[in-house]
N, C-alpha and C. Protein backbone atom coordinates (compact mmCIF):
# COMPACT_ATOMS: atom_id res chain seq x y z
N MET A 1 13.88 -2.86 8.84
CA MET A 1 12.00 -3.37 8.34
C MET A 1 11.46 -2.24 7.86
N THR A 2 10.80 -1.53 7.53
CA THR A 2 9.47 -0.79 7.48
C THR A 2 8.03 -1.14 7.95
N GLU A 3 7.59 -0.05 8.61
CA GLU A 3 6.42 -0.87 9.46
C GLU A 3 5.11 0.26 8.93
N VAL A 4 4.32 -0.01 8.77
CA VAL A 4 3.08 1.22 8.46
C VAL A 4 1.70 1.12 8.62
N GLU A 5 0.86 1.37 9.32
CA GLU A 5 -0.38 1.08 10.24
C GLU A 5 -1.31 2.14 9.27
N VAL A 6 -2.11 1.32 8.60
CA VAL A 6 -3.52 2.60 8.15
C VAL A 6 -4.86 2.13 8.42
N SER A 7 -5.44 3.49 8.88
CA SER A 7 -6.47 3.39 9.11
C SER A 7 -7.31 3.61 8.08
N ALA A 8 -8.16 2.73 6.90
CA ALA A 8 -8.98 3.73 5.80
C ALA A 8 -10.04 3.88 5.70
N GLY A 9 -10.43 4.19 6.79
CA GLY A 9 -11.35 5.07 6.74
C GLY A 9 -12.56 4.85 7.07
N ILE A 10 -14.02 5.01 6.57
CA ILE A 10 -14.95 4.71 6.98
C ILE A 10 -15.80 3.42 7.34
N CYS A 11 -15.25 2.84 6.63
CA CYS A 11 -14.74 0.72 6.10
C CYS A 11 -14.75 0.25 7.95
N GLY A 12 -14.01 1.23 8.46
CA GLY A 12 -13.15 0.61 10.07
C GLY A 12 -12.43 0.34 9.65
N PHE A 13 -11.57 -0.85 8.50
CA PHE A 13 -10.98 -1.78 8.60
C PHE A 13 -8.70 -1.10 9.13
N LYS A 14 -8.55 -1.82 9.54
CA LYS A 14 -6.72 -1.77 9.39
C LYS A 14 -6.02 -2.56 9.01
N THR A 15 -4.83 -2.02 8.56
CA THR A 15 -4.22 -2.76 7.47
C THR A 15 -2.74 -2.25 8.33
N LYS A 16 -2.09 -3.72 8.11
CA LYS A 16 0.14 -3.12 8.56
C LYS A 16 0.37 -3.52 8.04
N ILE A 17 1.16 -3.29 6.57
CA ILE A 17 2.13 -3.05 6.03
C ILE A 17 3.91 -2.88 6.39
N ARG A 18 4.65 -3.97 6.19
CA ARG A 18 5.75 -4.44 6.64
C ARG A 18 6.32 -4.79 5.44
N VAL A 19 7.78 -3.62 5.06
CA VAL A 19 8.27 -3.80 4.18
C VAL A 19 9.42 -4.07 4.50
N GLU A 20 10.36 -5.29 3.67
CA GLU A 20 11.75 -5.47 3.88
C GLU A 20 12.78 -5.13 2.97
N ASP A 21 13.56 -4.94 3.24
CA ASP A 21 14.78 -4.60 2.38
C ASP A 21 15.55 -5.60 1.74
N ARG A 22 15.34 -6.09 0.04
CA ARG A 22 16.35 -6.92 0.11
C ARG A 22 17.06 -5.79 -0.73
N LYS A 23 17.71 -4.74 -0.71
CA LYS A 23 19.29 -4.36 -1.41
C LYS A 23 18.94 -4.00 -3.25
N LYS A 24 19.47 -3.41 -3.36
CA LYS A 24 19.09 -2.84 -5.23
C LYS A 24 17.67 -2.28 -5.58
N TYR A 25 17.12 -1.81 -4.16
CA TYR A 25 16.27 -1.51 -5.11
C TYR A 25 14.85 -2.19 -4.66
N ASN A 26 15.34 -3.28 -3.77
CA ASN A 26 14.32 -4.19 -3.92
C ASN A 26 13.80 -4.95 -2.65
N ALA A 27 12.32 -5.20 -2.44
CA ALA A 27 11.66 -5.52 -1.22
C ALA A 27 10.71 -6.32 -1.99
N THR A 28 10.65 -7.00 -0.10
CA THR A 28 9.05 -7.85 0.12
C THR A 28 8.17 -7.08 0.60
N VAL A 29 7.07 -7.33 0.64
CA VAL A 29 5.76 -6.65 1.80
C VAL A 29 4.90 -7.69 2.15
N THR A 30 4.89 -7.98 3.16
CA THR A 30 3.63 -8.13 3.84
C THR A 30 2.43 -7.44 4.31
N ILE A 31 1.46 -7.89 3.79
CA ILE A 31 0.21 -7.14 4.24
C ILE A 31 -0.78 -7.90 5.28
N GLU A 32 -1.29 -7.82 6.51
CA GLU A 32 -2.03 -8.12 7.40
C GLU A 32 -3.84 -6.69 6.95
N SER A 33 -4.45 -7.24 6.99
CA SER A 33 -5.07 -6.42 7.05
C SER A 33 -6.48 -7.41 7.12
N GLU A 34 -7.29 -6.47 7.99
CA GLU A 34 -8.89 -7.05 8.26
C GLU A 34 -9.49 -6.51 7.34
N CYS A 35 -9.29 -6.25 5.85
CA CYS A 35 -10.31 -6.30 4.76
C CYS A 35 -10.37 -7.16 4.14
N PRO A 36 -11.05 -7.94 3.60
CA PRO A 36 -11.29 -9.16 2.43
C PRO A 36 -10.48 -9.28 1.52
N ASN A 37 -10.44 -7.60 1.14
CA ASN A 37 -10.34 -7.98 -0.45
C ASN A 37 -8.42 -7.32 -0.40
N HIS A 38 -7.96 -7.06 0.80
CA HIS A 38 -6.62 -6.44 1.11
C HIS A 38 -5.98 -8.19 1.93
N LYS A 39 -6.43 -9.33 2.01
CA LYS A 39 -5.91 -10.31 2.40
C LYS A 39 -5.88 -11.04 0.91
N LYS A 40 -7.11 -10.54 0.36
CA LYS A 40 -6.76 -11.56 -1.29
C LYS A 40 -5.28 -10.93 -1.97
N VAL A 41 -5.17 -9.12 -1.94
CA VAL A 41 -3.82 -8.76 -2.65
C VAL A 41 -2.86 -9.05 -1.49
N ALA A 42 -3.10 -9.42 -0.35
CA ALA A 42 -1.86 -9.95 0.12
C ALA A 42 -1.14 -11.49 -0.01
N ALA A 43 -2.27 -12.37 -0.42
CA ALA A 43 -1.50 -13.56 -1.13
C ALA A 43 -1.34 -13.24 -2.43
N ILE A 44 -1.39 -12.41 -2.92
CA ILE A 44 -0.80 -12.24 -4.80
C ILE A 44 0.95 -11.62 -4.03
N LEU A 45 0.68 -10.66 -3.17
CA LEU A 45 2.15 -9.94 -2.66
C LEU A 45 3.27 -10.63 -2.33
N GLU A 46 1.79 -11.41 -1.14
CA GLU A 46 3.36 -12.23 -0.06
C GLU A 46 4.45 -12.10 -0.45
N THR A 47 4.84 -13.62 -1.71
CA THR A 47 5.88 -14.22 -3.02
C THR A 47 6.87 -13.35 -3.85
N ALA A 48 6.18 -12.31 -3.86
CA ALA A 48 6.66 -11.22 -4.79
C ALA A 48 7.82 -10.72 -3.93
N THR A 49 9.11 -10.32 -5.08
CA THR A 49 10.32 -9.30 -5.18
C THR A 49 10.34 -8.14 -5.81
N ILE A 50 10.09 -7.06 -4.95
CA ILE A 50 9.52 -5.63 -5.72
C ILE A 50 10.22 -4.97 -6.10
N ASN A 51 10.37 -4.93 -7.27
CA ASN A 51 11.37 -3.88 -7.61
C ASN A 51 11.21 -2.36 -7.76
N MET A 52 11.52 -1.19 -7.27
CA MET A 52 11.08 -0.36 -6.77
C MET A 52 11.44 0.91 -7.09
N MET A 53 12.42 0.89 -8.48
CA MET A 53 12.72 2.01 -9.45
C MET A 53 11.60 1.38 -10.89
N ASP A 54 11.64 0.27 -11.03
CA ASP A 54 10.24 -0.30 -11.60
C ASP A 54 8.74 -0.03 -11.44
N GLU A 55 8.97 -0.48 -10.29
CA GLU A 55 7.05 0.34 -9.89
C GLU A 55 6.92 1.77 -9.91
N LEU A 56 7.95 1.90 -9.46
CA LEU A 56 7.85 3.81 -9.47
C LEU A 56 7.23 4.38 -10.86
N PHE A 57 8.58 3.83 -11.27
CA PHE A 57 8.82 4.81 -13.04
C PHE A 57 8.18 3.77 -14.16
N ARG A 58 8.06 2.62 -14.21
CA ARG A 58 7.50 2.37 -15.65
C ARG A 58 5.85 2.03 -15.50
N LYS A 59 5.56 2.74 -16.09
CA LYS A 59 3.85 2.97 -16.80
C LYS A 59 3.35 1.70 -16.75
N GLY A 60 2.26 1.66 -15.96
CA GLY A 60 1.72 0.21 -16.27
C GLY A 60 2.52 -0.64 -15.44
N LYS A 61 3.62 -0.85 -14.90
CA LYS A 61 4.17 -2.33 -14.39
C LYS A 61 3.78 -2.32 -13.07
N SER A 62 3.28 -1.60 -11.98
CA SER A 62 3.19 -2.04 -10.59
C SER A 62 2.78 -2.43 -10.60
N GLN A 63 3.28 -3.55 -9.91
CA GLN A 63 2.57 -5.14 -8.88
C GLN A 63 1.69 -4.69 -7.95
N VAL A 64 2.24 -3.99 -7.17
CA VAL A 64 1.21 -3.46 -6.46
C VAL A 64 -0.40 -2.78 -6.86
N LEU A 65 -0.50 -2.23 -7.36
CA LEU A 65 -1.60 -1.69 -8.50
C LEU A 65 -2.11 -2.64 -9.03
N ASN A 66 -1.28 -3.78 -10.23
CA ASN A 66 -2.07 -4.36 -10.65
C ASN A 66 -2.20 -5.47 -9.68
N ALA A 67 -2.00 -6.31 -8.55
CA ALA A 67 -2.40 -6.55 -7.81
C ALA A 67 -4.12 -6.55 -6.93
N CYS A 68 -3.94 -5.15 -6.95
CA CYS A 68 -5.12 -4.45 -6.26
C CYS A 68 -6.54 -4.40 -7.65
N GLN A 69 -6.23 -3.87 -8.60
CA GLN A 69 -7.07 -3.87 -10.33
C GLN A 69 -8.13 -5.65 -9.94
N GLY A 70 -9.01 -5.00 -9.78
CA GLY A 70 -10.23 -6.26 -9.94
C GLY A 70 -10.63 -6.39 -8.47
N ILE A 71 -9.77 -6.46 -7.28
CA ILE A 71 -9.93 -6.61 -6.12
C ILE A 71 -10.79 -5.82 -4.80
N VAL A 72 -9.82 -4.80 -5.58
CA VAL A 72 -10.06 -3.75 -4.10
C VAL A 72 -11.17 -3.04 -5.43
N PRO A 73 -12.99 -3.37 -4.49
CA PRO A 73 -14.17 -2.23 -4.71
C PRO A 73 -13.50 -0.64 -5.13
N HIS A 74 -12.97 0.09 -3.90
CA HIS A 74 -13.42 1.40 -3.78
C HIS A 74 -11.54 2.02 -4.67
N LEU A 75 -12.04 2.71 -5.67
CA LEU A 75 -10.71 3.52 -6.28
C LEU A 75 -9.80 4.53 -5.27
N SER A 76 -10.94 5.12 -4.45
CA SER A 76 -10.35 5.59 -3.20
C SER A 76 -9.95 5.26 -2.06
N CYS A 77 -9.70 3.53 -2.07
CA CYS A 77 -8.94 2.99 -0.78
C CYS A 77 -7.37 3.90 -0.94
N PRO A 78 -7.35 3.87 0.29
CA PRO A 78 -5.46 4.89 0.77
C PRO A 78 -4.67 3.47 0.58
N VAL A 79 -5.21 2.35 0.94
CA VAL A 79 -4.54 1.72 1.08
C VAL A 79 -2.92 0.98 -0.20
N PRO A 80 -3.43 0.96 -1.08
CA PRO A 80 -2.37 0.66 -2.04
C PRO A 80 -1.41 2.10 -2.35
N ALA A 81 -1.79 3.13 -1.61
CA ALA A 81 -1.02 4.28 -1.62
C ALA A 81 0.06 4.22 -0.61
N ALA A 82 -0.40 3.78 0.18
CA ALA A 82 0.15 3.28 1.56
C ALA A 82 1.19 2.15 1.35
N VAL A 83 0.79 1.01 0.40
CA VAL A 83 2.31 0.06 0.15
C VAL A 83 3.31 0.28 -0.72
N LEU A 84 2.85 1.42 -1.68
CA LEU A 84 3.44 2.10 -2.52
C LEU A 84 4.56 2.76 -1.26
N LYS A 85 3.87 3.82 -0.60
CA LYS A 85 5.00 5.05 -0.08
C LYS A 85 5.63 4.22 1.34
N ALA A 86 5.37 2.87 1.85
CA ALA A 86 5.70 2.38 2.54
C ALA A 86 7.36 1.38 2.22
N LEU A 87 6.79 0.98 0.85
CA LEU A 87 7.67 0.29 -0.15
C LEU A 87 8.74 1.16 -0.33
N GLU A 88 8.78 2.54 -1.01
CA GLU A 88 9.29 3.82 -1.18
C GLU A 88 10.22 4.18 0.07
N VAL A 89 10.05 4.13 1.22
CA VAL A 89 10.42 4.35 2.47
C VAL A 89 11.50 3.16 3.02
N GLY A 90 11.16 1.42 2.50
CA GLY A 90 11.65 0.84 2.37
C GLY A 90 13.45 0.67 1.93
N VAL A 91 12.89 0.97 0.62
CA VAL A 91 14.22 0.73 0.03
C VAL A 91 15.37 2.09 -0.23
N GLY A 92 14.62 2.85 0.66
CA GLY A 92 15.69 4.49 1.09
C GLY A 92 15.11 5.18 -0.44
N LEU A 93 13.99 5.70 -0.50
CA LEU A 93 13.92 6.43 -2.04
C LEU A 93 13.21 7.84 -1.28
N ALA A 94 12.69 7.31 0.04
CA ALA A 94 12.03 8.74 0.66
C ALA A 94 11.73 8.13 2.12
N LEU A 95 12.20 9.71 2.81
CA LEU A 95 12.23 9.71 3.71
C LEU A 95 10.71 9.03 4.69
N PRO A 96 10.79 9.21 5.85
CA PRO A 96 9.36 8.55 6.23
C PRO A 96 8.79 9.52 6.89
N ALA A 97 7.83 9.85 6.70
CA ALA A 97 7.08 10.98 7.40
C ALA A 97 5.28 10.56 7.09
N ASP A 98 4.14 11.26 8.08
CA ASP A 98 2.89 10.16 7.71
C ASP A 98 2.42 11.53 6.72
N ALA A 99 0.98 10.90 6.14
CA ALA A 99 -0.09 11.71 5.19
C ALA A 99 -1.19 11.16 5.65
N THR A 100 -1.92 12.66 5.33
CA THR A 100 -2.83 12.23 6.39
C THR A 100 -4.05 12.77 5.16
N ILE A 101 -5.29 12.42 5.45
CA ILE A 101 -6.28 13.00 4.52
C ILE A 101 -7.16 13.77 5.75
N THR A 102 -7.34 15.38 5.75
CA THR A 102 -8.48 15.13 6.84
C THR A 102 -9.63 16.36 6.28
N PHE A 103 -10.95 15.90 6.41
CA PHE A 103 -11.74 16.74 5.74
C PHE A 103 -12.42 18.19 6.68
N ILE A 104 -12.00 19.62 6.06
CA ILE A 104 -12.27 20.34 7.02
C ILE A 104 -14.02 20.63 6.50
N ASN A 105 -14.84 20.06 6.07
CA ASN A 105 -15.67 20.69 5.84
C ASN A 105 -16.12 19.30 4.91
N ALA A 106 -17.61 18.67 5.46
CA ALA A 106 -18.16 17.91 3.95
C ALA A 106 -19.61 17.52 5.44
N GLU A 107 -20.51 17.76 4.06
CA GLU A 107 -21.91 17.19 4.56
C GLU A 107 -22.00 16.08 4.54
N LYS A 108 -23.29 15.70 5.38
CA LYS A 108 -23.28 13.85 5.49
C LYS A 108 -24.16 13.86 4.12
N LYS A 109 -24.42 13.10 3.78
CA LYS A 109 -25.59 12.87 2.52
C LYS A 109 -26.53 12.07 2.43
N HIS A 110 -26.12 11.14 3.58
CA HIS A 110 -27.31 10.30 4.14
C HIS A 110 -27.70 10.27 5.22
């Protein structure tokens, strides 16, 4: 099992992602989130078996991105990318390494 935790940013919502390898680049994903939008995405993906070769290499065929479309209001939310990265690691297509976004300099506008 691969497990990832995401702190999404200023919204303050935390999300936990668990991936179970189902062999031959297939996996299932469980998403537990404080975010009401990602709870909806979790409900869509909870019964899906995701083929990561299709997910990563067939343009327009991402089950994860399709589930998020129209539900997740912020295109810049890091959770969908984290789900894809966890799935990629979970089936052995990538090595586990933390990813970060660090603001070096940013002015508050409000």
